[in-house]
Amino acid sequence: MKTIDMLLRDAPLFSDLPEPWLNLMAGCGVNVRFGAGETLFREGEQADTFYLIREGRIGLETHVPARGAAEIETLEAGDVLGWSWLFPPHTWHFDARVLDPVAAVAFDAACLRGKCDDDPAFGYQLMRRFAQVLMERLQWTRIRLLDVYGDHLAD
C-alpha cells in the first residue's frame, strides 16, 4: 500500500517537490473514497479541501439559468480538484459531482495554508503549481467557449 507522500510523488504536479515538502503535504492528507453520483461540494460553500484524484472521474458543473447543471470539465486520475482553498474568501466557484467511483487524497486546506505561512518557499512552490493548474483550466475554458460561441462571433 502506498503512503500519501508516495502518492504525491506519483502525481505529475508534485513529483519534483523535495522530499521534506512532500512530507509536509502528506501530513495534511487523508485517503478518501466517493461513490458515483455523490456531490463533493457546491458553489458558494466553504472551500476547506483540495483533492488529488487517484482513480475515477469527477465532473465540475455550473448552474445555467433555464438549463440547470452544465458540466464544464471532467477531472480524472492524476488531476487535482480545487484551487479555491488558496484564495480568500475560500469558497467554491463550481459544483463537483462524482461520475465514476473515486479514490482520492483529500488535503485539509487550513493545515496546508498554515504550512505555507510557516515556510514561504514551500508556499511559493504550491502557489506556482496551482497557478499553472488555473492557467490550463482557463485556457481550456476559453477553447470550449470558442467552440460554443465561435459561429456566433463570426456573424
Protein backbone atom coordinates (compact mmCIF):
# COMPACT_ATOMS: atom_id res chain seq x y z
CA MET A 1 0.00 0.00 0.00
CA LYS A 2 1.31 3.42 -0.97
CA THR A 3 1.69 6.18 1.59
CA ILE A 4 0.37 9.66 0.88
CA ASP A 5 3.85 11.04 0.24
CA MET A 6 4.37 8.23 -2.31
CA LEU A 7 1.06 9.12 -3.99
CA LEU A 8 2.17 12.75 -4.16
CA ARG A 9 5.46 11.72 -5.73
CA ASP A 10 3.49 9.83 -8.41
CA ALA A 11 1.37 12.90 -9.25
CA PRO A 12 2.83 14.99 -12.11
CA LEU A 13 2.02 18.27 -10.33
CA PHE A 14 4.04 17.37 -7.25
CA SER A 15 6.55 14.77 -8.47
CA ASP A 16 9.57 17.08 -8.37
CA LEU A 17 8.90 18.60 -4.94
CA PRO A 18 11.73 17.96 -2.47
CA GLU A 19 11.09 15.11 -0.04
CA PRO A 20 10.65 17.39 3.02
CA TRP A 21 7.88 19.30 1.25
CA LEU A 22 6.17 16.09 0.14
CA ASN A 23 6.19 15.05 3.79
CA LEU A 24 4.73 18.43 4.83
CA MET A 25 1.89 17.99 2.37
CA ALA A 26 1.33 14.35 3.28
CA GLY A 27 0.77 15.39 6.89
CA CYS A 28 -2.34 17.29 5.77
CA GLY A 29 -3.81 14.48 3.63
CA VAL A 30 -6.11 11.50 4.13
CA ASN A 31 -7.30 8.83 1.70
CA VAL A 32 -10.97 9.10 0.79
CA ARG A 33 -13.47 7.30 -1.45
CA PHE A 34 -16.69 8.53 -3.03
CA GLY A 35 -19.44 6.73 -4.91
CA ALA A 36 -20.87 7.68 -8.30
CA GLY A 37 -23.44 10.43 -8.06
CA GLU A 38 -22.12 11.93 -4.81
CA THR A 39 -21.68 15.69 -4.66
CA LEU A 40 -18.32 16.68 -3.18
CA PHE A 41 -19.15 20.37 -2.86
CA ARG A 42 -21.40 23.09 -4.20
CA GLU A 43 -20.69 26.59 -5.45
CA GLY A 44 -20.60 29.08 -2.59
CA GLU A 45 -19.75 26.52 0.11
CA GLN A 46 -16.59 26.81 2.18
CA ALA A 47 -13.54 25.53 0.27
CA ASP A 48 -11.72 23.69 3.02
CA THR A 49 -10.17 20.84 0.99
CA PHE A 50 -8.44 20.04 -2.24
CA TYR A 51 -8.23 16.58 -3.79
CA LEU A 52 -5.62 14.62 -5.68
CA ILE A 53 -7.66 12.16 -7.75
CA ARG A 54 -6.16 8.66 -7.75
CA GLU A 55 -8.87 6.87 -9.73
CA GLY A 56 -12.31 7.65 -11.10
CA ARG A 57 -13.78 10.80 -12.62
CA ILE A 58 -15.29 13.99 -11.21
CA GLY A 59 -17.37 16.49 -13.17
CA LEU A 60 -17.17 20.21 -12.49
CA GLU A 61 -20.55 21.80 -13.04
CA THR A 62 -22.12 25.23 -13.00
CA HIS A 63 -25.74 26.25 -12.92
CA VAL A 64 -27.05 27.72 -16.17
CA PRO A 65 -30.35 29.59 -15.82
CA ALA A 66 -33.23 27.83 -17.60
CA ARG A 67 -30.97 24.81 -18.32
CA GLY A 68 -29.84 23.56 -14.92
CA ALA A 69 -26.46 21.95 -14.29
CA ALA A 70 -23.91 22.14 -17.11
CA GLU A 71 -20.70 20.15 -16.94
CA ILE A 72 -17.75 22.37 -17.75
CA GLU A 73 -14.87 19.94 -17.20
CA THR A 74 -14.14 16.34 -16.27
CA LEU A 75 -11.20 15.56 -14.00
CA GLU A 76 -9.60 12.14 -13.66
CA ALA A 77 -6.70 10.22 -12.13
CA GLY A 78 -3.64 12.44 -11.65
CA ASP A 79 -5.65 15.68 -11.67
CA VAL A 80 -6.14 17.98 -8.71
CA LEU A 81 -9.59 19.21 -7.82
CA GLY A 82 -9.82 22.55 -6.11
CA TRP A 83 -7.88 25.77 -6.01
CA SER A 84 -10.42 27.89 -4.15
CA TRP A 85 -8.86 26.85 -0.83
CA LEU A 86 -5.90 29.13 -1.66
CA PHE A 87 -7.76 32.37 -2.29
CA PRO A 88 -9.98 34.31 0.13
CA PRO A 89 -12.86 34.11 0.73
CA HIS A 90 -12.14 30.36 0.30
CA THR A 91 -15.44 29.43 -1.33
CA TRP A 92 -16.08 27.04 -4.20
CA HIS A 93 -16.80 28.51 -7.63
CA PHE A 94 -18.40 25.37 -9.10
CA ASP A 95 -20.17 22.18 -8.06
CA ALA A 96 -18.24 18.89 -8.12
CA ARG A 97 -20.05 15.60 -8.75
CA VAL A 98 -18.57 12.10 -8.81
CA LEU A 99 -19.10 10.50 -12.23
CA ASP A 100 -17.34 7.18 -11.53
CA PRO A 101 -16.31 5.83 -8.11
CA VAL A 102 -13.37 7.91 -6.92
CA ALA A 103 -10.34 7.21 -4.77
CA ALA A 104 -8.50 10.39 -3.83
CA VAL A 105 -6.31 12.05 -1.28
CA ALA A 106 -8.13 14.89 0.47
CA PHE A 107 -5.93 17.68 1.80
CA ASP A 108 -7.01 19.89 4.69
CA ALA A 109 -6.78 23.47 3.42
CA ALA A 110 -6.23 25.16 6.80
CA CYS A 111 -3.41 22.72 7.54
CA LEU A 112 -1.72 23.45 4.20
CA ARG A 113 -2.20 27.22 4.44
CA GLY A 114 -0.58 27.13 7.87
CA LYS A 115 2.40 25.20 6.50
CA CYS A 116 2.69 27.67 3.61
CA ASP A 117 2.74 30.55 6.10
CA ASP A 118 5.39 28.80 8.19
CA ASP A 119 7.57 28.04 5.16
CA PRO A 120 7.17 30.75 2.47
CA ALA A 121 9.39 28.87 -0.01
CA PHE A 122 7.05 25.87 0.24
CA GLY A 123 4.04 28.19 -0.10
CA TYR A 124 5.54 29.80 -3.19
CA GLN A 125 6.08 26.41 -4.83
CA LEU A 126 2.48 25.35 -4.13
CA MET A 127 1.17 28.69 -5.42
CA ARG A 128 3.21 28.32 -8.64
CA ARG A 129 1.85 24.83 -9.21
CA PHE A 130 -1.76 25.78 -8.57
CA ALA A 131 -1.38 28.91 -10.71
CA GLN A 132 -0.32 26.59 -13.56
CA VAL A 133 -3.46 24.49 -13.00
CA LEU A 134 -5.56 27.67 -13.08
CA MET A 135 -3.94 28.82 -16.32
CA GLU A 136 -4.50 25.45 -18.01
CA ARG A 137 -8.14 25.37 -16.94
CA LEU A 138 -8.72 28.97 -18.06
CA GLN A 139 -7.24 28.12 -21.47
CA TRP A 140 -9.42 25.02 -21.70
CA THR A 141 -12.48 27.11 -20.79
CA ARG A 142 -11.58 29.69 -23.46
CA ILE A 143 -11.33 26.94 -26.08
CA ARG A 144 -14.67 25.48 -25.04
CA LEU A 145 -16.30 28.91 -25.19
CA LEU A 146 -14.94 29.39 -28.70
CA ASP A 147 -16.43 26.02 -29.66
CA VAL A 148 -19.81 27.02 -28.24
CA TYR A 149 -19.94 30.65 -29.37
CA GLY A 150 -17.42 30.78 -32.25
CA ASP A 151 -20.03 30.58 -35.00
CA HIS A 152 -21.98 33.46 -33.44
CA LEU A 153 -18.85 35.61 -33.15
CA ALA A 154 -18.39 35.48 -36.93
CA ASP A 155 -21.88 36.91 -37.56
